[in-house]
Protein backbone atom coordinates (compact mmCIF):
# COMPACT_ATOMS: atom_id res chain seq x y z
CA MET A 1 -6.03 -22.69 0.85
CA ASN A 2 -2.65 -22.93 -0.82
CA LYS A 3 -0.69 -20.08 -2.37
CA THR A 4 -2.04 -20.67 -5.88
CA GLU A 5 -5.61 -20.55 -4.61
CA LEU A 6 -4.82 -17.38 -2.66
CA VAL A 7 -3.38 -15.71 -5.77
CA ASP A 8 -6.42 -16.73 -7.82
CA THR A 9 -8.87 -15.46 -5.19
CA VAL A 10 -7.12 -12.15 -4.65
CA ALA A 11 -6.68 -11.59 -8.39
CA LYS A 12 -10.40 -12.14 -8.97
CA SER A 13 -11.43 -9.83 -6.14
CA THR A 14 -9.02 -7.02 -7.02
CA GLY A 15 -8.97 -7.16 -10.80
CA LEU A 16 -5.17 -7.44 -10.81
CA THR A 17 -3.41 -9.91 -13.05
CA LYS A 18 -2.31 -13.15 -11.44
CA SER A 19 1.30 -12.12 -12.05
CA ASP A 20 0.88 -8.78 -10.26
CA THR A 21 -1.07 -10.45 -7.47
CA LYS A 22 1.64 -13.06 -6.96
CA LYS A 23 4.31 -10.35 -6.77
CA THR A 24 2.25 -8.47 -4.18
CA ILE A 25 1.59 -11.55 -2.07
CA ASP A 26 5.26 -12.56 -2.24
CA ALA A 27 6.28 -9.08 -1.07
CA VAL A 28 3.82 -9.16 1.83
CA PHE A 29 4.92 -12.64 2.92
CA GLU A 30 8.55 -11.54 2.73
CA GLN A 31 7.88 -8.60 5.06
CA ILE A 32 5.85 -10.44 7.72
CA PRO A 33 8.83 -12.14 9.44
CA LYS A 34 10.79 -8.88 9.33
CA CYS A 35 7.94 -7.00 10.99
CA LEU A 36 7.46 -9.68 13.62
CA THR A 37 11.19 -9.72 14.42
CA PHE A 38 11.29 -5.92 14.60
CA ASN A 39 8.34 -5.80 17.00
CA ILE A 40 9.78 -8.53 19.22
CA LEU A 41 13.12 -6.75 19.48
CA ARG A 42 11.59 -3.36 20.32
């Protein structure tokens, strides 16, 4: 599954617009490396 397919799938299952879904997914993907780095350094 690529990012476009993920956005489409999540948008359909949540009822959010594709634009809002993309923003949410982008925000989550941006935070994942930060969380992993934080947990490794703790």
